[in-house]
C-alpha atoms as a PDB file:
ATOM      1  CA  UNK A   1     -20.538  29.889 -13.448  1.00  0.00           C
ATOM      2  CA  UNK A   2     -21.735  29.202  -9.905  1.00  0.00           C
ATOM      3  CA  UNK A   3     -20.415  30.509  -6.595  1.00  0.00           C
ATOM      4  CA  UNK A   4     -19.488  28.758  -3.356  1.00  0.00           C
ATOM      5  CA  UNK A   5     -23.052  29.198  -2.035  1.00  0.00           C
ATOM      6  CA  UNK A   6     -24.229  26.749  -4.752  1.00  0.00           C
ATOM      7  CA  UNK A   7     -22.003  23.908  -3.484  1.00  0.00           C
ATOM      8  CA  UNK A   8     -23.678  20.900  -1.891  1.00  0.00           C
ATOM      9  CA  UNK A   9     -22.909  17.333  -0.888  1.00  0.00           C
ATOM     10  CA  UNK A  10     -22.738  14.885  -3.836  1.00  0.00           C
ATOM     11  CA  UNK A  11     -22.410  17.611  -6.479  1.00  0.00           C
ATOM     12  CA  UNK A  12     -19.619  17.484  -9.065  1.00  0.00           C
ATOM     13  CA  UNK A  13     -17.139  20.300  -9.616  1.00  0.00           C
ATOM     14  CA  UNK A  14     -14.252  20.915 -11.982  1.00  0.00           C
ATOM     15  CA  UNK A  15     -11.238  22.254 -10.066  1.00  0.00           C
ATOM     16  CA  UNK A  16      -7.797  22.716 -11.694  1.00  0.00           C
ATOM     17  CA  UNK A  17      -9.107  20.783 -14.740  1.00  0.00           C
ATOM     18  CA  UNK A  18      -9.876  17.754 -12.514  1.00  0.00           C
ATOM     19  CA  UNK A  19     -13.397  16.426 -12.015  1.00  0.00           C
ATOM     20  CA  UNK A  20     -14.259  16.016  -8.308  1.00  0.00           C
ATOM     21  CA  UNK A  21     -17.278  14.727  -6.384  1.00  0.00           C
ATOM     22  CA  UNK A  22     -18.038  16.673  -3.188  1.00  0.00           C
ATOM     23  CA  UNK A  23     -18.281  14.129  -0.326  1.00  0.00           C
ATOM     24  CA  UNK A  24     -18.524  16.561   2.590  1.00  0.00           C
ATOM     25  CA  UNK A  25     -19.092  20.282   2.632  1.00  0.00           C
ATOM     26  CA  UNK A  26     -18.618  22.738   5.478  1.00  0.00           C
ATOM     27  CA  UNK A  27     -18.168  26.451   5.930  1.00  0.00           C
ATOM     28  CA  UNK A  28     -15.796  27.918   8.497  1.00  0.00           C
ATOM     29  CA  UNK A  29     -16.270  31.429   9.831  1.00  0.00           C
ATOM     30  CA  UNK A  30     -13.155  32.682  11.622  1.00  0.00           C
ATOM     31  CA  UNK A  31     -13.364  35.517  14.146  1.00  0.00           C
ATOM     32  CA  UNK A  32     -11.887  37.916  11.612  1.00  0.00           C
ATOM     33  CA  UNK A  33     -11.925  37.625   7.860  1.00  0.00           C
ATOM     34  CA  UNK A  34     -14.135  36.016   5.274  1.00  0.00           C
ATOM     35  CA  UNK A  35     -15.924  32.687   5.440  1.00  0.00           C
ATOM     36  CA  UNK A  36     -14.004  29.723   4.047  1.00  0.00           C
ATOM     37  CA  UNK A  37     -15.784  26.816   2.365  1.00  0.00           C
ATOM     38  CA  UNK A  38     -14.058  23.473   2.895  1.00  0.00           C
ATOM     39  CA  UNK A  39     -14.937  20.515   0.660  1.00  0.00           C
ATOM     40  CA  UNK A  40     -13.770  16.940   1.076  1.00  0.00           C
ATOM     41  CA  UNK A  41     -13.728  15.626  -2.505  1.00  0.00           C
ATOM     42  CA  UNK A  42     -13.030  12.411  -4.438  1.00  0.00           C
ATOM     43  CA  UNK A  43     -11.240  12.534  -7.783  1.00  0.00           C
ATOM     44  CA  UNK A  44     -13.571  10.857 -10.296  1.00  0.00           C
ATOM     45  CA  UNK A  45     -10.684   9.550 -12.422  1.00  0.00           C
ATOM     46  CA  UNK A  46      -8.548   7.797  -9.787  1.00  0.00           C
ATOM     47  CA  UNK A  47     -10.720   7.692  -6.638  1.00  0.00           C
ATOM     48  CA  UNK A  48      -8.226   9.619  -4.458  1.00  0.00           C
ATOM     49  CA  UNK A  49      -9.641  11.941  -1.803  1.00  0.00           C
ATOM     50  CA  UNK A  50      -8.501  15.495  -1.189  1.00  0.00           C
ATOM     51  CA  UNK A  51      -9.637  18.656   0.541  1.00  0.00           C
ATOM     52  CA  UNK A  52     -10.379  21.815  -1.428  1.00  0.00           C
ATOM     53  CA  UNK A  53     -10.969  25.240   0.136  1.00  0.00           C
ATOM     54  CA  UNK A  54     -12.747  28.227  -1.385  1.00  0.00           C
ATOM     55  CA  UNK A  55     -13.205  31.813  -0.233  1.00  0.00           C
ATOM     56  CA  UNK A  56     -16.768  33.058   0.192  1.00  0.00           C
ATOM     57  CA  UNK A  57     -18.228  34.164  -3.138  1.00  0.00           C
ATOM     58  CA  UNK A  58     -15.487  32.520  -5.205  1.00  0.00           C
ATOM     59  CA  UNK A  59     -16.534  31.196  -8.624  1.00  0.00           C
ATOM     60  CA  UNK A  60     -16.894  27.405  -8.847  1.00  0.00           C
ATOM     61  CA  UNK A  61     -17.390  25.289 -11.968  1.00  0.00           C
ATOM     62  CA  UNK A  62     -20.276  22.943 -11.082  1.00  0.00           C
ATOM     63  CA  UNK A  63     -20.681  20.151 -13.634  1.00  0.00           C
ATOM     64  CA  UNK A  64     -24.195  19.222 -14.793  1.00  0.00           C
ATOM     65  CA  UNK A  65     -24.892  15.504 -14.406  1.00  0.00           C
ATOM     66  CA  UNK A  66     -27.657  13.197 -15.649  1.00  0.00           C
ATOM     67  CA  UNK A  67     -28.729  10.228 -13.549  1.00  0.00           C
ATOM     68  CA  UNK A  68     -29.836   6.926 -15.106  1.00  0.00           C
ATOM     69  CA  UNK A  69     -30.948   3.671 -13.531  1.00  0.00           C
ATOM     70  CA  UNK A  70     -29.197   0.688 -15.107  1.00  0.00           C
ATOM     71  CA  UNK A  71     -29.449  -3.024 -14.383  1.00  0.00           C
ATOM     72  CA  UNK A  72     -26.189  -4.860 -13.664  1.00  0.00           C
ATOM     73  CA  UNK A  73     -25.792  -7.925 -15.911  1.00  0.00           C
ATOM     74  CA  UNK A  74     -22.188  -9.172 -15.532  1.00  0.00           C
ATOM     75  CA  UNK A  75     -18.581  -8.144 -14.910  1.00  0.00           C
ATOM     76  CA  UNK A  76     -15.940  -7.962 -17.645  1.00  0.00           C
ATOM     77  CA  UNK A  77     -12.347  -7.150 -16.538  1.00  0.00           C
ATOM     78  CA  UNK A  78     -12.371  -3.585 -15.115  1.00  0.00           C
ATOM     79  CA  UNK A  79     -15.932  -2.888 -16.283  1.00  0.00           C
ATOM     80  CA  UNK A  80     -19.487  -3.756 -15.333  1.00  0.00           C
ATOM     81  CA  UNK A  81     -21.847  -4.470 -18.193  1.00  0.00           C
ATOM     82  CA  UNK A  82     -25.174  -2.807 -17.414  1.00  0.00           C
ATOM     83  CA  UNK A  83     -28.415  -2.521 -19.353  1.00  0.00           C
ATOM     84  CA  UNK A  84     -30.567   0.557 -19.791  1.00  0.00           C
ATOM     85  CA  UNK A  85     -34.040  -0.782 -18.971  1.00  0.00           C
ATOM     86  CA  UNK A  86     -35.797   1.656 -21.301  1.00  0.00           C
ATOM     87  CA  UNK A  87     -33.682   1.185 -24.459  1.00  0.00           C
ATOM     88  CA  UNK A  88     -32.175  -2.260 -23.621  1.00  0.00           C
ATOM     89  CA  UNK A  89     -28.782  -0.836 -24.624  1.00  0.00           C
ATOM     90  CA  UNK A  90     -25.763  -2.431 -22.917  1.00  0.00           C
ATOM     91  CA  UNK A  91     -23.269   0.026 -21.414  1.00  0.00           C
ATOM     92  CA  UNK A  92     -19.772  -0.645 -19.997  1.00  0.00           C
ATOM     93  CA  UNK A  93     -19.299   1.149 -16.674  1.00  0.00           C
ATOM     94  CA  UNK A  94     -15.847   1.337 -14.995  1.00  0.00           C
ATOM     95  CA  UNK A  95     -15.762  -0.466 -11.619  1.00  0.00           C
ATOM     96  CA  UNK A  96     -13.700   2.337 -10.014  1.00  0.00           C
ATOM     97  CA  UNK A  97     -16.696   4.712  -9.865  1.00  0.00           C
ATOM     98  CA  UNK A  98     -18.286   2.521  -7.168  1.00  0.00           C
ATOM     99  CA  UNK A  99     -15.273   2.666  -4.793  1.00  0.00           C
ATOM    100  CA  UNK A 100     -15.592   0.235  -1.844  1.00  0.00           C
ATOM    101  CA  UNK A 101     -19.311  -0.487  -2.288  1.00  0.00           C
ATOM    102  CA  UNK A 102     -18.542  -2.734  -5.293  1.00  0.00           C
ATOM    103  CA  UNK A 103     -18.150  -5.718  -2.936  1.00  0.00           C
ATOM    104  CA  UNK A 104     -21.941  -5.743  -2.380  1.00  0.00           C
ATOM    105  CA  UNK A 105     -22.801  -5.867  -6.092  1.00  0.00           C
ATOM    106  CA  UNK A 106     -25.233  -8.643  -7.094  1.00  0.00           C
ATOM    107  CA  UNK A 107     -26.408  -9.763 -10.504  1.00  0.00           C
ATOM    108  CA  UNK A 108     -29.666  -8.087 -11.578  1.00  0.00           C
ATOM    109  CA  UNK A 109     -29.220  -5.171  -9.139  1.00  0.00           C
ATOM    110  CA  UNK A 110     -30.510  -1.741 -10.233  1.00  0.00           C
ATOM    111  CA  UNK A 111     -27.696   0.855 -10.086  1.00  0.00           C
ATOM    112  CA  UNK A 112     -27.872   4.643 -10.195  1.00  0.00           C
ATOM    113  CA  UNK A 113     -25.197   5.950 -12.566  1.00  0.00           C
ATOM    114  CA  UNK A 114     -24.437   9.650 -13.040  1.00  0.00           C
ATOM    115  CA  UNK A 115     -23.105  10.809 -16.419  1.00  0.00           C
ATOM    116  CA  UNK A 116     -21.496  14.135 -17.363  1.00  0.00           C
ATOM    117  CA  UNK A 117     -22.492  16.235 -20.375  1.00  0.00           C
ATOM    118  CA  UNK A 118     -20.252  14.030 -22.592  1.00  0.00           C
ATOM    119  CA  UNK A 119     -22.078  10.836 -21.454  1.00  0.00           C
ATOM    120  CA  UNK A 120     -19.025   9.723 -19.446  1.00  0.00           C
ATOM    121  CA  UNK A 121     -19.905   7.778 -16.237  1.00  0.00           C
ATOM    122  CA  UNK A 122     -18.894   9.833 -13.179  1.00  0.00           C
ATOM    123  CA  UNK A 123     -20.371   8.087 -10.181  1.00  0.00           C
ATOM    124  CA  UNK A 124     -22.306   4.968  -9.338  1.00  0.00           C
ATOM    125  CA  UNK A 125     -24.509   4.015  -6.410  1.00  0.00           C
ATOM    126  CA  UNK A 126     -25.788   0.645  -5.314  1.00  0.00           C
ATOM    127  CA  UNK A 127     -29.105   0.345  -3.483  1.00  0.00           C
ATOM    128  CA  UNK A 128     -28.819   1.595   0.114  1.00  0.00           C
ATOM    129  CA  UNK A 129     -29.282  -1.936   1.546  1.00  0.00           C
ATOM    130  CA  UNK A 130     -28.624  -5.498   0.393  1.00  0.00           C
ATOM    131  CA  UNK A 131     -29.798  -8.812   1.814  1.00  0.00           C
ATOM    132  CA  UNK A 132     -27.065 -11.442   2.158  1.00  0.00           C
ATOM    133  CA  UNK A 133     -26.921 -14.878   3.798  1.00  0.00           C
ATOM    134  CA  UNK A 134     -24.422 -15.672   6.565  1.00  0.00           C
ATOM    135  CA  UNK A 135     -21.974 -18.361   5.364  1.00  0.00           C
ATOM    136  CA  UNK A 136     -19.757 -18.479   8.467  1.00  0.00           C
ATOM    137  CA  UNK A 137     -19.826 -17.192  12.016  1.00  0.00           C
ATOM    138  CA  UNK A 138     -18.154 -18.177  15.262  1.00  0.00           C
ATOM    139  CA  UNK A 139     -19.837 -19.183  18.498  1.00  0.00           C
ATOM    140  CA  UNK A 140     -20.349 -16.170  20.713  1.00  0.00           C
ATOM    141  CA  UNK A 141     -18.447 -15.555  23.932  1.00  0.00           C
ATOM    142  CA  UNK A 142     -20.436 -14.500  26.946  1.00  0.00           C
ATOM    143  CA  UNK A 143     -20.135 -10.831  27.736  1.00  0.00           C
ATOM    144  CA  UNK A 144     -19.541  -9.697  24.146  1.00  0.00           C
ATOM    145  CA  UNK A 145     -22.160  -7.876  22.104  1.00  0.00           C
ATOM    146  CA  UNK A 146     -20.900  -8.676  18.585  1.00  0.00           C
ATOM    147  CA  UNK A 147     -19.012 -11.423  16.797  1.00  0.00           C
ATOM    148  CA  UNK A 148     -17.330 -11.698  13.378  1.00  0.00           C
ATOM    149  CA  UNK A 149     -19.254 -13.228  10.487  1.00  0.00           C
ATOM    150  CA  UNK A 150     -18.831 -13.824   6.783  1.00  0.00           C
ATOM    151  CA  UNK A 151     -21.674 -13.359   4.297  1.00  0.00           C
ATOM    152  CA  UNK A 152     -22.110 -14.277   0.637  1.00  0.00           C
ATOM    153  CA  UNK A 153     -19.236 -12.997  -1.492  1.00  0.00           C
ATOM    154  CA  UNK A 154     -16.717 -13.460   1.342  1.00  0.00           C
ATOM    155  CA  UNK A 155     -17.565 -10.110   2.968  1.00  0.00           C
ATOM    156  CA  UNK A 156     -16.594  -9.931   6.650  1.00  0.00           C
ATOM    157  CA  UNK A 157     -18.842  -7.956   9.012  1.00  0.00           C
ATOM    158  CA  UNK A 158     -19.644  -7.728  12.737  1.00  0.00           C
ATOM    159  CA  UNK A 159     -23.013  -9.104  13.784  1.00  0.00           C
ATOM    160  CA  UNK A 160     -24.965  -9.488  17.056  1.00  0.00           C
ATOM    161  CA  UNK A 161     -24.503 -12.673  19.072  1.00  0.00           C
ATOM    162  CA  UNK A 162     -27.879 -14.169  18.054  1.00  0.00           C
ATOM    163  CA  UNK A 163     -26.995 -14.386  14.324  1.00  0.00           C
ATOM    164  CA  UNK A 164     -26.356 -17.934  13.020  1.00  0.00           C
ATOM    165  CA  UNK A 165     -25.135 -19.542   9.799  1.00  0.00           C
ATOM    166  CA  UNK A 166     -27.905 -19.455   7.174  1.00  0.00           C
ATOM    167  CA  UNK A 167     -29.562 -16.288   8.530  1.00  0.00           C
ATOM    168  CA  UNK A 168     -30.388 -13.610   5.953  1.00  0.00           C
ATOM    169  CA  UNK A 169     -29.154 -10.137   6.976  1.00  0.00           C
ATOM    170  CA  UNK A 170     -29.860  -6.609   5.755  1.00  0.00           C
ATOM    171  CA  UNK A 171     -26.545  -4.746   5.323  1.00  0.00           C
ATOM    172  CA  UNK A 172     -25.852  -1.055   4.593  1.00  0.00           C
ATOM    173  CA  UNK A 173     -23.851  -0.878   1.334  1.00  0.00           C
ATOM    174  CA  UNK A 174     -22.142   2.428   2.189  1.00  0.00           C
ATOM    175  CA  UNK A 175     -20.815   1.484   5.628  1.00  0.00           C
ATOM    176  CA  UNK A 176     -20.833  -2.316   5.395  1.00  0.00           C
ATOM    177  CA  UNK A 177     -22.620  -2.517   8.750  1.00  0.00           C
ATOM    178  CA  UNK A 178     -25.289  -4.956   9.911  1.00  0.00           C
ATOM    179  CA  UNK A 179     -28.766  -3.378  10.054  1.00  0.00           C
ATOM    180  CA  UNK A 180     -31.155  -6.205  10.918  1.00  0.00           C
ATOM    181  CA  UNK A 181     -31.933  -9.875  10.472  1.00  0.00           C
ATOM    182  CA  UNK A 182     -34.479 -10.513   7.730  1.00  0.00           C
ATOM    183  CA  UNK A 183     -37.309 -12.799   8.781  1.00  0.00           C
ATOM    184  CA  UNK A 184     -38.273 -15.449   6.239  1.00  0.00           C
END
C-alpha cells in the first residue's frame, strides 16, 4: 500500500470503498503540526466531486490502471461503442466517464480510456483539441473583444471579433475555449 507522498494528479485511489480520480493535489504545512495533503477528487461511479484530506505518511490505496486507445464508432443510449484498433474488438464505454468533454466527441475520434484491474472503464479522455466549424455568430459590436458563437454540435463558445460563419476553429476540449482559427 502506498503513502501520501505517492499521490499525484490524475491517479486513482480507493477511499472508503469508493473509487476516486485525483483532479488536484496540494499539501498544506501549518505553522505547527504535521503536513496535510488535500485532494480534490471525482467519484468514478457518479461523477460527483469531493475533497479528501490525508495526514502526512498516511496509507493510501492507489489503484493500478491500464490505458488503451480506442476509436469511437457510435453512441448507443448511455454508452459509446468503441473499437480496439489492435484486436478490432468492440467495447461499450459509459458516457459518464467523460464528464463535460463528451460534447466535443466526433465519430472516428481516438479516445484514451483507463481501465482498472478488473477491466472496468474508469476514465476517458478526448484529444486535447478539436477542429469545429462555426455555424452561427453575431455581428461584433465596436469596443468588445469577443462575441458569442455556435459551432458544430450546437456548442456555444466565445470567439474573437474577426471570426465569421464557416470558419474552422481549434477548441480546447477540457475548457471549451477558443484557441485559434484554422487556416484552410
